[in-house]
Amino acid sequence: MPAVSPAADWTSHFVSANGIRHHYLEWGDPSNPPLLMLHATGLCAWPWKPIARPLAERYRVLAFDQRGHGDTDRSDKGYRFEYAGEDLAAIVEAMGLESPRVIGHSSGGLATIIAANLLPGRFGRVVLVETRVSNDVADVPSQDLTRRAERTRMKRAVWESREAMFEAYRTRVAFKDWKDEAYRQFIEGGTRLLPDGRAELKCHPETEATFYGMRDDLPVENYLNNLRGDWLLLLADYPGCQRPGDLGVQRFRQLVPGSVVKPMGKGSHFLPMEHPGDVLSAVGQRFNDQSSRHLGCPSHATGATAIGSDS
């Protein structure tokens, strides 16, 4: 596995909230406005690094490991999206964060939606990346969450080394299009080294599978009813993905005043790891800053047209 640069531009911290200890990575001047980053189920904070780094010129960037992921504590209470939302709300209060902006990928976006209900008016602008905003069931087998949970429980939790895991995962469908740095960071940040040199997944397959199994029971629309503020939903382009014409996405636009939906015209569910420049560009436009220039990306994502009240 190619080495990750030892020169760290981030620091590692913990905060106790909602009964557990949460781990996060931090970039930028602590006096800058806060920007929170929340990963998808099964991942961790580390793959956010390529996007977090340029954003740190304007923001205090805080990328969190969700419960049972990365270096955040496992939970005796269990794993539900409602708990992840409670965690985020408790973190915001414990750290005294005012009007934090948020980038939430997939379940990280669901946690943000739930937290915004618990703390009305507390959050600033939010970008949801590939967050499923309804309970519409995709008619594509690869998007069946029950099957995904079953497959996840069969995942190998311990590897001979990080290098062995790196080589085995690199060509798998989920990872084959990731940018090299995001992929390396996932391997490094998502595993712990055992005394004998083997590498163990920090997010146990059962934890990941439990989240998938709970997804269809989450009444997402109930939380959308109470959302206010500035929300952008970025959609990738793959079989079974959400599309602007889907009933659930239309309901999101109806229920969340001022929300905008932006189809990116590319990428899989792992859009931030495959196209960090395009995601950063969309974030920069929504947050009205110029951070996107540092990745050499265009001023807008190719083929992407925003749909919403201010498009």
Protein backbone atom coordinates (compact mmCIF):
# COMPACT_ATOMS: atom_id res chain seq x y z
CA MET A 1 0.00 0.00 0.00
CA PRO A 2 1.44 3.44 -0.89
CA ALA A 3 2.45 5.34 2.22
CA VAL A 4 0.32 8.18 3.58
CA SER A 5 2.40 11.33 4.04
CA PRO A 6 3.59 11.68 7.65
CA ALA A 7 3.15 15.45 7.45
CA ALA A 8 -0.21 15.96 9.16
CA ASP A 9 -2.19 19.11 8.49
CA TRP A 10 -4.88 17.98 10.90
CA THR A 11 -5.22 17.22 14.61
CA SER A 12 -7.11 14.44 16.36
CA HIS A 13 -9.54 15.08 19.24
CA PHE A 14 -12.34 13.59 21.31
CA VAL A 15 -15.51 15.05 22.77
CA SER A 16 -17.95 13.33 25.15
CA ALA A 17 -21.60 13.70 24.17
CA ASN A 18 -24.79 11.63 24.40
CA GLY A 19 -23.11 9.08 26.63
CA ILE A 20 -20.16 8.15 24.42
CA ARG A 21 -16.78 9.57 23.39
CA HIS A 22 -16.71 10.88 19.83
CA HIS A 23 -13.54 11.17 17.77
CA TYR A 24 -12.97 13.89 15.19
CA LEU A 25 -10.27 15.33 12.97
CA GLU A 26 -9.80 19.09 12.88
CA TRP A 27 -8.32 21.52 10.34
CA GLY A 28 -8.07 25.29 10.20
CA ASP A 29 -8.10 28.26 12.55
CA PRO A 30 -10.33 27.61 15.60
CA SER A 31 -11.63 31.17 15.28
CA ASN A 32 -13.05 30.47 11.80
CA PRO A 33 -16.73 29.56 11.34
CA PRO A 34 -17.35 25.85 12.07
CA LEU A 35 -17.98 23.35 9.29
CA LEU A 36 -18.88 19.78 10.22
CA MET A 37 -18.31 16.74 8.00
CA LEU A 38 -20.14 13.45 8.56
CA HIS A 39 -19.30 10.25 6.69
CA ALA A 40 -21.45 7.44 5.30
CA THR A 41 -22.16 4.13 7.01
CA GLY A 42 -19.10 1.86 7.06
CA LEU A 43 -16.58 4.66 6.46
CA CYS A 44 -14.81 7.11 8.80
CA ALA A 45 -13.59 10.71 8.93
CA TRP A 46 -10.26 10.11 7.15
CA PRO A 47 -11.47 9.97 3.50
CA TRP A 48 -12.78 13.53 3.91
CA LYS A 49 -9.20 14.84 3.95
CA PRO A 50 -8.94 15.85 0.26
CA ILE A 51 -12.06 18.00 0.62
CA ALA A 52 -11.46 19.21 4.17
CA ARG A 53 -7.98 20.56 3.47
CA PRO A 54 -8.94 23.41 1.07
CA LEU A 55 -12.06 24.23 3.07
CA ALA A 56 -9.86 24.81 6.12
CA GLU A 57 -8.66 28.10 4.65
CA ARG A 58 -12.07 29.59 5.46
CA TYR A 59 -13.52 27.29 8.10
CA ARG A 60 -12.76 25.39 11.26
CA VAL A 61 -13.36 21.97 9.72
CA LEU A 62 -14.42 19.16 12.05
CA ALA A 63 -14.82 15.67 10.55
CA PHE A 64 -16.45 13.21 12.95
CA ASP A 65 -16.43 9.43 13.23
CA GLN A 66 -20.00 8.30 13.84
CA ARG A 67 -20.83 5.92 16.69
CA GLY A 68 -19.26 2.50 16.16
CA HIS A 69 -17.05 3.86 13.36
CA GLY A 70 -13.43 4.96 13.33
CA ASP A 71 -12.19 5.85 16.80
CA THR A 72 -15.57 6.86 18.21
CA ASP A 73 -16.85 4.54 20.94
CA ARG A 74 -18.99 1.55 20.19
CA SER A 75 -22.47 1.82 21.67
CA ASP A 76 -24.10 -0.43 24.25
CA LYS A 77 -27.37 1.34 23.38
CA GLY A 78 -27.29 0.07 19.82
CA TYR A 79 -27.16 1.55 16.35
CA ARG A 80 -30.01 3.54 14.87
CA PHE A 81 -30.03 6.62 12.68
CA GLU A 82 -32.01 8.38 15.40
CA TYR A 83 -29.09 7.83 17.78
CA ALA A 84 -26.65 9.23 15.21
CA GLY A 85 -28.81 12.35 14.99
CA GLU A 86 -28.92 12.64 18.76
CA ASP A 87 -25.14 12.31 18.80
CA LEU A 88 -24.69 15.20 16.39
CA ALA A 89 -27.09 17.45 18.29
CA ALA A 90 -25.32 16.62 21.56
CA ILE A 91 -21.90 17.30 20.00
CA VAL A 92 -23.02 20.71 18.71
CA GLU A 93 -24.26 21.65 22.17
CA ALA A 94 -21.28 20.19 24.03
CA MET A 95 -18.83 22.10 21.82
CA GLY A 96 -20.91 25.28 21.80
CA LEU A 97 -20.96 25.45 18.00
CA GLU A 98 -23.06 28.29 16.59
CA SER A 99 -24.64 28.02 13.13
CA PRO A 100 -22.26 25.30 11.94
CA ARG A 101 -22.33 24.48 8.27
CA VAL A 102 -22.50 20.78 7.51
CA ILE A 103 -21.54 18.39 4.73
CA GLY A 104 -23.20 15.02 5.29
CA HIS A 105 -22.59 12.02 3.05
CA SER A 106 -25.37 9.42 2.92
CA SER A 107 -26.18 8.46 6.52
CA GLY A 108 -24.16 11.47 7.66
CA GLY A 109 -26.84 13.55 5.97
CA LEU A 110 -29.61 11.63 7.71
CA ALA A 111 -27.93 12.32 11.06
CA THR A 112 -27.87 16.01 10.15
CA ILE A 113 -31.57 16.05 9.23
CA ILE A 114 -32.46 14.46 12.57
CA ALA A 115 -30.15 16.74 14.54
CA ALA A 116 -31.67 19.80 12.85
CA ASN A 117 -35.04 18.71 14.20
CA LEU A 118 -33.65 18.40 17.71
CA LEU A 119 -31.97 21.82 17.49
CA PRO A 120 -34.31 23.98 15.36
CA GLY A 121 -32.59 26.97 13.81
CA ARG A 122 -29.16 25.98 15.14
CA PHE A 123 -27.52 24.85 11.88
CA GLY A 124 -26.21 26.99 9.04
CA ARG A 125 -26.12 25.89 5.42
CA VAL A 126 -26.16 22.14 4.82
CA VAL A 127 -25.00 20.07 1.85
CA LEU A 128 -26.36 16.53 1.70
CA VAL A 129 -24.34 14.27 -0.59
CA GLU A 130 -26.17 11.16 -1.78
CA THR A 131 -28.48 11.15 1.24
CA ARG A 132 -31.68 9.19 0.63
CA VAL A 133 -34.44 11.63 1.53
CA SER A 134 -37.38 9.24 1.32
CA ASN A 135 -38.34 5.63 1.93
CA ASP A 136 -38.87 4.95 -1.75
CA VAL A 137 -37.38 1.53 -2.48
CA ALA A 138 -35.09 1.30 -5.50
CA ASP A 139 -35.96 -1.48 -7.94
CA VAL A 140 -32.29 -2.34 -8.47
CA PRO A 141 -30.93 -5.36 -6.51
CA SER A 142 -27.67 -3.56 -5.64
CA GLN A 143 -29.69 -0.92 -3.77
CA ASP A 144 -31.69 -3.41 -1.68
CA LEU A 145 -30.65 -2.63 1.89
CA THR A 146 -31.69 -6.04 3.22
CA ARG A 147 -29.36 -7.74 0.76
CA ARG A 148 -26.66 -5.21 1.51
CA ALA A 149 -26.92 -5.97 5.24
CA GLU A 150 -26.64 -9.70 4.53
CA ARG A 151 -23.55 -9.19 2.38
CA THR A 152 -21.99 -6.86 4.93
CA ARG A 153 -22.25 -9.45 7.70
CA MET A 154 -20.08 -11.71 5.55
CA LYS A 155 -17.29 -9.13 5.27
CA ARG A 156 -13.85 -10.06 6.49
CA ALA A 157 -13.12 -8.09 9.67
CA VAL A 158 -9.40 -8.94 10.04
CA TRP A 159 -6.74 -8.95 7.32
CA GLU A 160 -3.12 -10.16 7.32
CA SER A 161 -2.04 -6.54 6.84
CA ARG A 162 -3.25 -3.18 5.57
CA GLU A 163 -1.36 -3.89 2.38
CA ALA A 164 -3.34 -7.11 1.84
CA MET A 165 -6.61 -5.27 2.42
CA PHE A 166 -5.50 -2.45 0.12
CA GLU A 167 -4.87 -4.84 -2.76
CA ALA A 168 -8.01 -6.91 -2.16
CA TYR A 169 -10.39 -3.95 -1.96
CA ARG A 170 -8.90 -1.74 -4.68
CA THR A 171 -10.64 -3.40 -7.63
CA ARG A 172 -13.98 -4.01 -5.92
CA VAL A 173 -16.96 -2.21 -7.43
CA ALA A 174 -17.45 0.08 -4.43
CA PHE A 175 -13.83 1.30 -4.44
CA LYS A 176 -12.53 0.99 -7.99
CA ASP A 177 -13.28 4.62 -8.94
CA TRP A 178 -12.12 6.26 -5.70
CA LYS A 179 -9.28 8.76 -5.99
CA ASP A 180 -6.04 7.29 -4.63
CA GLU A 181 -5.74 9.56 -1.61
CA ALA A 182 -9.30 9.00 -0.40
CA TYR A 183 -8.81 5.24 -0.80
CA ARG A 184 -5.50 5.22 1.10
CA GLN A 185 -7.08 7.27 3.88
CA PHE A 186 -9.97 4.81 4.15
CA ILE A 187 -7.58 1.89 4.60
CA GLU A 188 -5.39 3.74 7.11
CA GLY A 189 -8.14 5.46 9.12
CA GLY A 190 -10.64 2.64 8.90
CA THR A 191 -8.40 -0.06 10.38
CA ARG A 192 -6.43 -0.59 13.58
CA LEU A 193 -3.23 -2.59 13.70
CA LEU A 194 -3.28 -5.60 16.04
CA PRO A 195 -0.16 -6.61 18.02
CA ASP A 196 0.68 -9.30 15.46
CA GLY A 197 0.58 -6.80 12.58
CA ARG A 198 -2.82 -7.79 11.24
CA ALA A 199 -5.33 -5.06 10.35
CA GLU A 200 -8.82 -5.03 11.85
CA LEU A 201 -11.76 -2.99 10.58
CA LYS A 202 -12.66 -0.32 13.14
CA CYS A 203 -16.30 -0.46 12.05
CA HIS A 204 -17.32 -4.05 12.74
CA PRO A 205 -19.36 -5.59 9.88
CA GLU A 206 -22.24 -6.23 12.29
CA THR A 207 -22.37 -2.52 13.18
CA GLU A 208 -22.49 -1.52 9.52
CA ALA A 209 -25.11 -4.17 8.75
CA THR A 210 -27.26 -3.04 11.68
CA PHE A 211 -27.42 0.50 10.30
CA TYR A 212 -28.45 -0.81 6.87
CA GLY A 213 -31.13 -2.96 8.46
CA MET A 214 -32.62 0.01 10.29
CA ARG A 215 -32.79 2.35 7.29
CA ASP A 216 -36.17 1.36 5.88
CA ASP A 217 -37.79 1.83 9.30
CA LEU A 218 -36.65 5.46 9.53
CA PRO A 219 -39.63 7.81 8.91
CA VAL A 220 -37.59 10.35 6.96
CA GLU A 221 -40.54 12.49 5.88
CA ASN A 222 -41.47 13.14 9.50
CA TYR A 223 -38.13 14.90 9.94
CA LEU A 224 -38.38 16.82 6.68
CA ASN A 225 -41.62 18.44 7.86
CA ASN A 226 -39.73 20.51 10.42
CA LEU A 227 -36.62 21.49 8.45
CA ARG A 228 -35.84 25.13 7.86
CA GLY A 229 -32.76 26.82 6.49
CA ASP A 230 -30.59 26.34 3.44
CA TRP A 231 -30.30 22.74 2.19
CA LEU A 232 -28.60 21.42 -0.94
CA LEU A 233 -28.92 17.78 -2.05
CA LEU A 234 -26.25 16.48 -4.44
CA LEU A 235 -27.19 13.42 -6.50
CA ALA A 236 -24.81 11.08 -8.32
CA ASP A 237 -25.67 9.10 -11.45
CA TYR A 238 -25.83 5.28 -11.29
CA PRO A 239 -28.47 2.52 -11.54
CA GLY A 240 -30.97 2.84 -8.71
CA CYS A 241 -29.87 6.32 -7.61
CA GLN A 242 -32.25 9.08 -6.58
CA ARG A 243 -33.26 11.41 -9.39
CA PRO A 244 -34.89 14.85 -9.36
CA GLY A 245 -38.14 13.44 -10.73
CA ASP A 246 -38.49 10.80 -8.00
CA LEU A 247 -41.52 11.30 -5.78
CA GLY A 248 -39.36 11.31 -2.64
CA VAL A 249 -37.00 13.96 -3.98
CA GLN A 250 -39.95 16.10 -5.07
CA ARG A 251 -41.42 15.79 -1.58
CA PHE A 252 -38.08 16.88 -0.14
CA ARG A 253 -38.23 20.05 -2.23
CA GLN A 254 -41.84 20.66 -1.20
CA LEU A 255 -41.32 20.07 2.51
CA VAL A 256 -38.01 21.89 2.92
CA PRO A 257 -38.47 25.56 1.98
CA GLY A 258 -35.60 26.91 -0.09
CA SER A 259 -34.04 23.50 -0.67
CA VAL A 260 -32.12 22.85 -3.90
CA VAL A 261 -31.45 19.53 -5.66
CA LYS A 262 -28.38 19.30 -7.88
CA PRO A 263 -27.82 16.23 -10.10
CA MET A 264 -24.08 15.95 -10.63
CA GLY A 265 -24.34 13.77 -13.75
CA LYS A 266 -21.56 11.43 -12.63
CA GLY A 267 -20.32 9.15 -9.90
CA SER A 268 -21.63 6.40 -7.66
CA HIS A 269 -22.95 6.57 -4.11
CA PHE A 270 -19.34 7.35 -3.13
CA LEU A 271 -19.35 10.62 -5.05
CA PRO A 272 -17.09 12.55 -2.59
CA MET A 273 -14.33 9.95 -2.89
CA GLU A 274 -14.59 9.65 -6.67
CA HIS A 275 -15.07 13.31 -7.60
CA PRO A 276 -13.83 15.43 -4.68
CA GLY A 277 -13.21 18.43 -6.92
CA ASP A 278 -16.78 18.51 -8.19
CA VAL A 279 -18.21 18.09 -4.69
CA LEU A 280 -15.92 20.82 -3.38
CA SER A 281 -17.00 23.10 -6.22
CA ALA A 282 -20.69 22.55 -5.43
CA VAL A 283 -20.04 23.14 -1.73
CA GLY A 284 -18.07 26.30 -2.48
CA GLN A 285 -20.90 27.70 -4.57
CA ARG A 286 -23.48 26.92 -1.91
CA PHE A 287 -21.35 28.32 0.89
CA ASN A 288 -20.38 31.31 -1.28
CA ASP A 289 -16.63 30.81 -1.04
CA GLN A 290 -13.78 30.10 -3.41
CA SER A 291 -12.28 26.98 -1.77
CA SER A 292 -12.93 24.97 -4.93
CA ARG A 293 -10.12 26.70 -6.82
CA HIS A 294 -7.52 24.77 -4.79
CA LEU A 295 -8.41 21.45 -6.39
CA GLY A 296 -8.29 22.93 -9.87
CA CYS A 297 -11.92 22.03 -10.46
CA PRO A 298 -14.35 23.93 -12.69
CA SER A 299 -16.66 26.57 -11.32
CA HIS A 300 -19.55 24.12 -11.69
CA ALA A 301 -19.89 20.36 -12.04
CA THR A 302 -20.12 19.14 -15.61
CA GLY A 303 -23.69 18.57 -16.68
CA ALA A 304 -25.11 19.58 -13.29
CA THR A 305 -28.14 21.85 -13.15
CA ALA A 306 -29.52 22.86 -9.77
CA ILE A 307 -33.25 22.50 -9.26
CA GLY A 308 -34.88 24.62 -6.59
CA SER A 309 -36.12 28.00 -5.60
CA ASP A 310 -32.80 29.76 -6.08
CA SER A 311 -31.40 27.80 -9.00
